[in-house]
């Protein structure tokens, strides 16, 4: 499953001085819905992600860092290195 990087998105919002209300206006959706999408309660579609990236001035090469990152399982790469 792929999710938004919540901490990165919230950091970028703070950096740009924007609120979730500003995002709601830009995406033309309700503020509680924005909150749910940013916190991975509801999915964000690609169109919404592109609009948010534009609003936050996220460069295309950085897009994947903020949006649709793979959900990590409980096992990390270090865990799979030696013991089974």
PDB file of N, CA and C in Angstrom:
ATOM      1  N   UNK A   1       0.837  -1.172   0.000  1.00  0.00           N
ATOM      2  CA  UNK A   1       0.000   0.000   0.000  1.00  0.00           C
ATOM      3  C   UNK A   1       0.888   1.243   0.000  1.00  0.00           C
ATOM      4  N   UNK A   2       0.489   2.250  -0.726  1.00  0.00           N
ATOM      5  CA  UNK A   2       1.278   3.474  -0.804  1.00  0.00           C
ATOM      6  C   UNK A   2       0.531   4.600  -0.120  1.00  0.00           C
ATOM      7  N   UNK A   3       1.273   5.383   0.649  1.00  0.00           N
ATOM      8  CA  UNK A   3       0.687   6.433   1.470  1.00  0.00           C
ATOM      9  C   UNK A   3       1.426   7.747   1.315  1.00  0.00           C
ATOM     10  N   UNK A   4       0.777   8.816   1.759  1.00  0.00           N
ATOM     11  CA  UNK A   4       1.454  10.106   1.817  1.00  0.00           C
ATOM     12  C   UNK A   4       2.461  10.087   2.955  1.00  0.00           C
ATOM     13  N   UNK A   5       3.531  10.835   2.787  1.00  0.00           N
ATOM     14  CA  UNK A   5       4.495  11.009   3.864  1.00  0.00           C
ATOM     15  C   UNK A   5       3.972  12.174   4.706  1.00  0.00           C
ATOM     16  N   UNK A   6       3.184  11.827   5.711  1.00  0.00           N
ATOM     17  CA  UNK A   6       2.482  12.818   6.528  1.00  0.00           C
ATOM     18  C   UNK A   6       3.414  13.865   7.124  1.00  0.00           C
ATOM     19  N   UNK A   7       4.516  13.437   7.709  1.00  0.00           N
ATOM     20  CA  UNK A   7       5.413  14.400   8.359  1.00  0.00           C
ATOM     21  C   UNK A   7       6.036  15.351   7.337  1.00  0.00           C
ATOM     22  N   UNK A   8       6.378  14.846   6.166  1.00  0.00           N
ATOM     23  CA  UNK A   8       6.945  15.707   5.116  1.00  0.00           C
ATOM     24  C   UNK A   8       5.916  16.723   4.625  1.00  0.00           C
ATOM     25  N   UNK A   9       4.676  16.265   4.406  1.00  0.00           N
ATOM     26  CA  UNK A   9       3.616  17.164   3.938  1.00  0.00           C
ATOM     27  C   UNK A   9       3.350  18.243   4.988  1.00  0.00           C
ATOM     28  N   UNK A  10       3.228  17.847   6.252  1.00  0.00           N
ATOM     29  CA  UNK A  10       2.973  18.821   7.315  1.00  0.00           C
ATOM     30  C   UNK A  10       4.145  19.791   7.457  1.00  0.00           C
ATOM     31  N   UNK A  11       5.353  19.305   7.293  1.00  0.00           N
ATOM     32  CA  UNK A  11       6.524  20.173   7.349  1.00  0.00           C
ATOM     33  C   UNK A  11       6.513  21.192   6.228  1.00  0.00           C
ATOM     34  N   UNK A  12       6.143  20.748   5.039  1.00  0.00           N
ATOM     35  CA  UNK A  12       6.090  21.646   3.883  1.00  0.00           C
ATOM     36  C   UNK A  12       4.971  22.674   4.061  1.00  0.00           C
ATOM     37  N   UNK A  13       3.842  22.260   4.631  1.00  0.00           N
ATOM     38  CA  UNK A  13       2.759  23.208   4.919  1.00  0.00           C
ATOM     39  C   UNK A  13       3.256  24.306   5.854  1.00  0.00           C
ATOM     40  N   UNK A  14       3.936  23.910   6.924  1.00  0.00           N
ATOM     41  CA  UNK A  14       4.464  24.882   7.884  1.00  0.00           C
ATOM     42  C   UNK A  14       5.495  25.793   7.225  1.00  0.00           C
ATOM     43  N   UNK A  15       6.361  25.210   6.420  1.00  0.00           N
ATOM     44  CA  UNK A  15       7.403  25.970   5.724  1.00  0.00           C
ATOM     45  C   UNK A  15       6.800  27.042   4.820  1.00  0.00           C
ATOM     46  N   UNK A  16       5.693  26.710   4.179  1.00  0.00           N
ATOM     47  CA  UNK A  16       5.038  27.643   3.249  1.00  0.00           C
ATOM     48  C   UNK A  16       4.024  28.544   3.970  1.00  0.00           C
ATOM     49  N   UNK A  17       3.802  28.312   5.281  1.00  0.00           N
ATOM     50  CA  UNK A  17       2.846  29.123   6.034  1.00  0.00           C
ATOM     51  C   UNK A  17       1.406  28.855   5.638  1.00  0.00           C
ATOM     52  N   UNK A  18       1.116  27.629   5.253  1.00  0.00           N
ATOM     53  CA  UNK A  18      -0.231  27.263   4.816  1.00  0.00           C
ATOM     54  C   UNK A  18      -0.907  26.373   5.848  1.00  0.00           C
ATOM     55  N   UNK A  19      -2.227  26.435   5.849  1.00  0.00           N
ATOM     56  CA  UNK A  19      -3.020  25.596   6.742  1.00  0.00           C
ATOM     57  C   UNK A  19      -3.786  24.557   5.923  1.00  0.00           C
ATOM     58  N   UNK A  20      -4.377  23.612   6.637  1.00  0.00           N
ATOM     59  CA  UNK A  20      -5.214  22.631   5.949  1.00  0.00           C
ATOM     60  C   UNK A  20      -6.433  23.314   5.324  1.00  0.00           C
ATOM     61  N   UNK A  21      -6.850  24.415   5.893  1.00  0.00           N
ATOM     62  CA  UNK A  21      -7.951  25.194   5.315  1.00  0.00           C
ATOM     63  C   UNK A  21      -7.537  25.739   3.938  1.00  0.00           C
ATOM     64  N   UNK A  22      -6.280  26.192   3.822  1.00  0.00           N
ATOM     65  CA  UNK A  22      -5.763  26.673   2.535  1.00  0.00           C
ATOM     66  C   UNK A  22      -5.742  25.534   1.507  1.00  0.00           C
ATOM     67  N   UNK A  23      -5.341  24.358   1.965  1.00  0.00           N
ATOM     68  CA  UNK A  23      -5.307  23.186   1.086  1.00  0.00           C
ATOM     69  C   UNK A  23      -6.722  22.831   0.642  1.00  0.00           C
ATOM     70  N   UNK A  24      -7.667  22.866   1.565  1.00  0.00           N
ATOM     71  CA  UNK A  24      -9.060  22.552   1.240  1.00  0.00           C
ATOM     72  C   UNK A  24      -9.587  23.489   0.158  1.00  0.00           C
ATOM     73  N   UNK A  25      -9.263  24.754   0.282  1.00  0.00           N
ATOM     74  CA  UNK A  25      -9.710  25.733  -0.717  1.00  0.00           C
ATOM     75  C   UNK A  25      -9.083  25.433  -2.080  1.00  0.00           C
ATOM     76  N   UNK A  26      -7.792  25.122  -2.087  1.00  0.00           N
ATOM     77  CA  UNK A  26      -7.093  24.838  -3.345  1.00  0.00           C
ATOM     78  C   UNK A  26      -7.600  23.560  -4.010  1.00  0.00           C
ATOM     79  N   UNK A  27      -7.920  22.546  -3.191  1.00  0.00           N
ATOM     80  CA  UNK A  27      -8.382  21.268  -3.737  1.00  0.00           C
ATOM     81  C   UNK A  27      -9.900  21.224  -3.917  1.00  0.00           C
ATOM     82  N   UNK A  28     -10.577  22.262  -3.420  1.00  0.00           N
ATOM     83  CA  UNK A  28     -12.037  22.359  -3.492  1.00  0.00           C
ATOM     84  C   UNK A  28     -12.718  21.179  -2.798  1.00  0.00           C
ATOM     85  N   UNK A  29     -12.204  20.880  -1.594  1.00  0.00           N
ATOM     86  CA  UNK A  29     -12.799  19.851  -0.752  1.00  0.00           C
ATOM     87  C   UNK A  29     -12.878  20.392   0.676  1.00  0.00           C
ATOM     88  N   UNK A  30     -13.628  19.718   1.528  1.00  0.00           N
ATOM     89  CA  UNK A  30     -13.806  20.167   2.912  1.00  0.00           C
ATOM     90  C   UNK A  30     -12.514  19.988   3.714  1.00  0.00           C
ATOM     91  N   UNK A  31     -12.299  20.888   4.685  1.00  0.00           N
ATOM     92  CA  UNK A  31     -11.096  20.827   5.513  1.00  0.00           C
ATOM     93  C   UNK A  31     -10.974  19.507   6.274  1.00  0.00           C
ATOM     94  N   UNK A  32     -12.067  18.961   6.848  1.00  0.00           N
ATOM     95  CA  UNK A  32     -11.917  17.659   7.515  1.00  0.00           C
ATOM     96  C   UNK A  32     -11.454  16.553   6.549  1.00  0.00           C
ATOM     97  N   UNK A  33     -11.870  16.640   5.300  1.00  0.00           N
ATOM     98  CA  UNK A  33     -11.434  15.668   4.289  1.00  0.00           C
ATOM     99  C   UNK A  33      -9.944  15.823   4.026  1.00  0.00           C
ATOM    100  N   UNK A  34      -9.461  17.050   3.952  1.00  0.00           N
ATOM    101  CA  UNK A  34      -8.024  17.298   3.785  1.00  0.00           C
ATOM    102  C   UNK A  34      -7.261  16.666   4.940  1.00  0.00           C
ATOM    103  N   UNK A  35      -7.743  16.876   6.159  1.00  0.00           N
ATOM    104  CA  UNK A  35      -7.090  16.309   7.326  1.00  0.00           C
ATOM    105  C   UNK A  35      -7.012  14.788   7.213  1.00  0.00           C
ATOM    106  N   UNK A  36      -8.089  14.167   6.805  1.00  0.00           N
ATOM    107  CA  UNK A  36      -8.118  12.710   6.665  1.00  0.00           C
ATOM    108  C   UNK A  36      -7.163  12.238   5.577  1.00  0.00           C
ATOM    109  N   UNK A  37      -7.067  12.979   4.493  1.00  0.00           N
ATOM    110  CA  UNK A  37      -6.169  12.595   3.395  1.00  0.00           C
ATOM    111  C   UNK A  37      -4.703  12.760   3.799  1.00  0.00           C
ATOM    112  N   UNK A  38      -4.382  13.863   4.455  1.00  0.00           N
ATOM    113  CA  UNK A  38      -3.000  14.101   4.884  1.00  0.00           C
ATOM    114  C   UNK A  38      -2.572  13.068   5.933  1.00  0.00           C
ATOM    115  N   UNK A  39      -3.521  12.621   6.747  1.00  0.00           N
ATOM    116  CA  UNK A  39      -3.213  11.647   7.794  1.00  0.00           C
ATOM    117  C   UNK A  39      -3.466  10.198   7.353  1.00  0.00           C
ATOM    118  N   UNK A  40      -3.630   9.992   6.064  1.00  0.00           N
ATOM    119  CA  UNK A  40      -3.774   8.656   5.475  1.00  0.00           C
ATOM    120  C   UNK A  40      -4.987   7.880   5.982  1.00  0.00           C
ATOM    121  N   UNK A  41      -6.047   8.612   6.364  1.00  0.00           N
ATOM    122  CA  UNK A  41      -7.300   7.961   6.726  1.00  0.00           C
ATOM    123  C   UNK A  41      -8.103   7.703   5.453  1.00  0.00           C
ATOM    124  N   UNK A  42      -8.041   8.667   4.537  1.00  0.00           N
ATOM    125  CA  UNK A  42      -8.692   8.548   3.221  1.00  0.00           C
ATOM    126  C   UNK A  42      -7.610   8.652   2.154  1.00  0.00           C
ATOM    127  N   UNK A  43      -7.802   7.985   1.033  1.00  0.00           N
ATOM    128  CA  UNK A  43      -6.792   8.055  -0.034  1.00  0.00           C
ATOM    129  C   UNK A  43      -6.822   9.401  -0.760  1.00  0.00           C
ATOM    130  N   UNK A  44      -5.668   9.807  -1.243  1.00  0.00           N
ATOM    131  CA  UNK A  44      -5.553  11.008  -2.064  1.00  0.00           C
ATOM    132  C   UNK A  44      -5.298  10.537  -3.492  1.00  0.00           C
ATOM    133  N   UNK A  45      -6.081  11.042  -4.427  1.00  0.00           N
ATOM    134  CA  UNK A  45      -5.859  10.622  -5.806  1.00  0.00           C
ATOM    135  C   UNK A  45      -4.732  11.447  -6.442  1.00  0.00           C
ATOM    136  N   UNK A  46      -4.299  11.012  -7.594  1.00  0.00           N
ATOM    137  CA  UNK A  46      -3.160  11.642  -8.257  1.00  0.00           C
ATOM    138  C   UNK A  46      -3.431  13.104  -8.590  1.00  0.00           C
ATOM    139  N   UNK A  47      -4.639  13.424  -9.029  1.00  0.00           N
ATOM    140  CA  UNK A  47      -4.990  14.807  -9.351  1.00  0.00           C
ATOM    141  C   UNK A  47      -4.850  15.701  -8.120  1.00  0.00           C
ATOM    142  N   UNK A  48      -5.352  15.228  -6.983  1.00  0.00           N
ATOM    143  CA  UNK A  48      -5.236  15.992  -5.738  1.00  0.00           C
ATOM    144  C   UNK A  48      -3.772  16.135  -5.324  1.00  0.00           C
ATOM    145  N   UNK A  49      -3.016  15.058  -5.468  1.00  0.00           N
ATOM    146  CA  UNK A  49      -1.594  15.089  -5.109  1.00  0.00           C
ATOM    147  C   UNK A  49      -0.837  16.098  -5.971  1.00  0.00           C
ATOM    148  N   UNK A  50      -1.153  16.134  -7.249  1.00  0.00           N
ATOM    149  CA  UNK A  50      -0.482  17.090  -8.149  1.00  0.00           C
ATOM    150  C   UNK A  50      -0.830  18.530  -7.781  1.00  0.00           C
ATOM    151  N   UNK A  51      -2.088  18.789  -7.444  1.00  0.00           N
ATOM    152  CA  UNK A  51      -2.498  20.136  -7.030  1.00  0.00           C
ATOM    153  C   UNK A  51      -1.803  20.532  -5.725  1.00  0.00           C
ATOM    154  N   UNK A  52      -1.726  19.591  -4.787  1.00  0.00           N
ATOM    155  CA  UNK A  52      -1.071  19.867  -3.513  1.00  0.00           C
ATOM    156  C   UNK A  52       0.428  20.106  -3.723  1.00  0.00           C
ATOM    157  N   UNK A  53       1.043  19.318  -4.585  1.00  0.00           N
ATOM    158  CA  UNK A  53       2.468  19.502  -4.888  1.00  0.00           C
ATOM    159  C   UNK A  53       2.716  20.887  -5.480  1.00  0.00           C
ATOM    160  N   UNK A  54       1.817  21.322  -6.336  1.00  0.00           N
ATOM    161  CA  UNK A  54       1.935  22.651  -6.936  1.00  0.00           C
ATOM    162  C   UNK A  54       1.787  23.733  -5.863  1.00  0.00           C
ATOM    163  N   UNK A  55       0.802  23.575  -4.998  1.00  0.00           N
ATOM    164  CA  UNK A  55       0.569  24.528  -3.915  1.00  0.00           C
ATOM    165  C   UNK A  55       1.777  24.619  -2.981  1.00  0.00           C
ATOM    166  N   UNK A  56       2.413  23.474  -2.713  1.00  0.00           N
ATOM    167  CA  UNK A  56       3.545  23.426  -1.786  1.00  0.00           C
ATOM    168  C   UNK A  56       4.895  23.624  -2.475  1.00  0.00           C
ATOM    169  N   UNK A  57       4.870  23.845  -3.782  1.00  0.00           N
ATOM    170  CA  UNK A  57       6.092  24.046  -4.565  1.00  0.00           C
ATOM    171  C   UNK A  57       7.050  22.858  -4.436  1.00  0.00           C
ATOM    172  N   UNK A  58       6.478  21.670  -4.557  1.00  0.00           N
ATOM    173  CA  UNK A  58       7.280  20.443  -4.522  1.00  0.00           C
ATOM    174  C   UNK A  58       7.731  20.146  -5.944  1.00  0.00           C
ATOM    175  N   UNK A  59       9.035  20.035  -6.121  1.00  0.00           N
ATOM    176  CA  UNK A  59       9.611  19.786  -7.439  1.00  0.00           C
ATOM    177  C   UNK A  59       9.241  18.380  -7.919  1.00  0.00           C
ATOM    178  N   UNK A  60       9.100  18.188  -9.236  1.00  0.00           N
ATOM    179  CA  UNK A  60       8.740  16.874  -9.771  1.00  0.00           C
ATOM    180  C   UNK A  60       9.666  15.740  -9.301  1.00  0.00           C
ATOM    181  N   UNK A  61      10.953  16.034  -9.193  1.00  0.00           N
ATOM    182  CA  UNK A  61      11.890  14.989  -8.767  1.00  0.00           C
ATOM    183  C   UNK A  61      11.734  14.632  -7.282  1.00  0.00           C
ATOM    184  N   UNK A  62      11.036  15.472  -6.521  1.00  0.00           N
ATOM    185  CA  UNK A  62      10.786  15.212  -5.103  1.00  0.00           C
ATOM    186  C   UNK A  62       9.411  14.599  -4.855  1.00  0.00           C
ATOM    187  N   UNK A  63       8.583  14.531  -5.882  1.00  0.00           N
ATOM    188  CA  UNK A  63       7.186  14.117  -5.745  1.00  0.00           C
ATOM    189  C   UNK A  63       7.045  12.802  -4.974  1.00  0.00           C
ATOM    190  N   UNK A  64       7.837  11.820  -5.345  1.00  0.00           N
ATOM    191  CA  UNK A  64       7.707  10.501  -4.728  1.00  0.00           C
ATOM    192  C   UNK A  64       8.097  10.501  -3.246  1.00  0.00           C
ATOM    193  N   UNK A  65       8.932  11.422  -2.839  1.00  0.00           N
ATOM    194  CA  UNK A  65       9.320  11.507  -1.427  1.00  0.00           C
ATOM    195  C   UNK A  65       8.118  11.914  -0.567  1.00  0.00           C
ATOM    196  N   UNK A  66       7.243  12.743  -1.125  1.00  0.00           N
ATOM    197  CA  UNK A  66       6.096  13.255  -0.399  1.00  0.00           C
ATOM    198  C   UNK A  66       4.831  12.429  -0.595  1.00  0.00           C
ATOM    199  N   UNK A  67       4.661  11.893  -1.797  1.00  0.00           N
ATOM    200  CA  UNK A  67       3.411  11.235  -2.151  1.00  0.00           C
ATOM    201  C   UNK A  67       3.627   9.777  -2.532  1.00  0.00           C
ATOM    202  N   UNK A  68       2.687   8.962  -2.125  1.00  0.00           N
ATOM    203  CA  UNK A  68       2.632   7.567  -2.559  1.00  0.00           C
ATOM    204  C   UNK A  68       3.896   6.788  -2.232  1.00  0.00           C
ATOM    205  N   UNK A  69       4.387   6.978  -1.009  1.00  0.00           N
ATOM    206  CA  UNK A  69       5.548   6.223  -0.556  1.00  0.00           C
ATOM    207  C   UNK A  69       5.081   4.853  -0.084  1.00  0.00           C
ATOM    208  N   UNK A  70       5.893   3.820  -0.273  1.00  0.00           N
ATOM    209  CA  UNK A  70       5.462   2.482   0.156  1.00  0.00           C
ATOM    210  C   UNK A  70       5.263   2.422   1.664  1.00  0.00           C
ATOM    211  N   UNK A  71       4.240   1.723   2.074  1.00  0.00           N
ATOM    212  CA  UNK A  71       4.000   1.516   3.501  1.00  0.00           C
ATOM    213  C   UNK A  71       4.991   0.468   3.983  1.00  0.00           C
ATOM    214  N   UNK A  72       5.701   0.807   5.045  1.00  0.00           N
ATOM    215  CA  UNK A  72       6.699  -0.110   5.575  1.00  0.00           C
ATOM    216  C   UNK A  72       6.033  -1.177   6.423  1.00  0.00           C
ATOM    217  N   UNK A  73       6.533  -2.391   6.285  1.00  0.00           N
ATOM    218  CA  UNK A  73       6.068  -3.483   7.133  1.00  0.00           C
ATOM    219  C   UNK A  73       6.853  -3.439   8.433  1.00  0.00           C
ATOM    220  N   UNK A  74       6.480  -4.247   9.395  1.00  0.00           N
ATOM    221  CA  UNK A  74       7.156  -4.226  10.686  1.00  0.00           C
ATOM    222  C   UNK A  74       8.610  -4.650  10.577  1.00  0.00           C
ATOM    223  N   UNK A  75       8.938  -5.497   9.612  1.00  0.00           N
ATOM    224  CA  UNK A  75      10.333  -5.919   9.421  1.00  0.00           C
ATOM    225  C   UNK A  75      11.061  -4.863   8.605  1.00  0.00           C
ATOM    226  N   UNK A  76      12.265  -4.536   9.029  1.00  0.00           N
ATOM    227  CA  UNK A  76      13.074  -3.580   8.300  1.00  0.00           C
ATOM    228  C   UNK A  76      14.137  -4.315   7.506  1.00  0.00           C
ATOM    229  N   UNK A  77      14.860  -3.608   6.677  1.00  0.00           N
ATOM    230  CA  UNK A  77      15.935  -4.226   5.898  1.00  0.00           C
ATOM    231  C   UNK A  77      16.991  -4.830   6.813  1.00  0.00           C
ATOM    232  N   UNK A  78      17.265  -4.150   7.934  1.00  0.00           N
ATOM    233  CA  UNK A  78      18.268  -4.673   8.866  1.00  0.00           C
ATOM    234  C   UNK A  78      17.816  -5.999   9.457  1.00  0.00           C
ATOM    235  N   UNK A  79      16.508  -6.118   9.724  1.00  0.00           N
ATOM    236  CA  UNK A  79      15.985  -7.341  10.330  1.00  0.00           C
ATOM    237  C   UNK A  79      16.141  -8.542   9.413  1.00  0.00           C
ATOM    238  N   UNK A  80      16.074  -8.329   8.111  1.00  0.00           N
ATOM    239  CA  UNK A  80      16.115  -9.442   7.184  1.00  0.00           C
ATOM    240  C   UNK A  80      17.549  -9.828   6.801  1.00  0.00           C
ATOM    241  N   UNK A  81      18.532  -9.121   7.340  1.00  0.00           N
ATOM    242  CA  UNK A  81      19.910  -9.358   6.974  1.00  0.00           C
ATOM    243  C   UNK A  81      20.510 -10.656   7.439  1.00  0.00           C
ATOM    244  N   UNK A  82      20.235 -11.095   8.646  1.00  0.00           N
ATOM    245  CA  UNK A  82      20.941 -12.256   9.150  1.00  0.00           C
ATOM    246  C   UNK A  82      20.032 -13.412   9.522  1.00  0.00           C
ATOM    247  N   UNK A  83      19.249 -13.253  10.540  1.00  0.00           N
ATOM    248  CA  UNK A  83      18.445 -14.344  11.083  1.00  0.00           C
ATOM    249  C   UNK A  83      17.133 -14.476  10.352  1.00  0.00           C
ATOM    250  N   UNK A  84      16.642 -15.705  10.342  1.00  0.00           N
ATOM    251  CA  UNK A  84      15.325 -15.962   9.751  1.00  0.00           C
ATOM    252  C   UNK A  84      14.398 -16.534  10.777  1.00  0.00           C
TER     253      UNK A  84
END
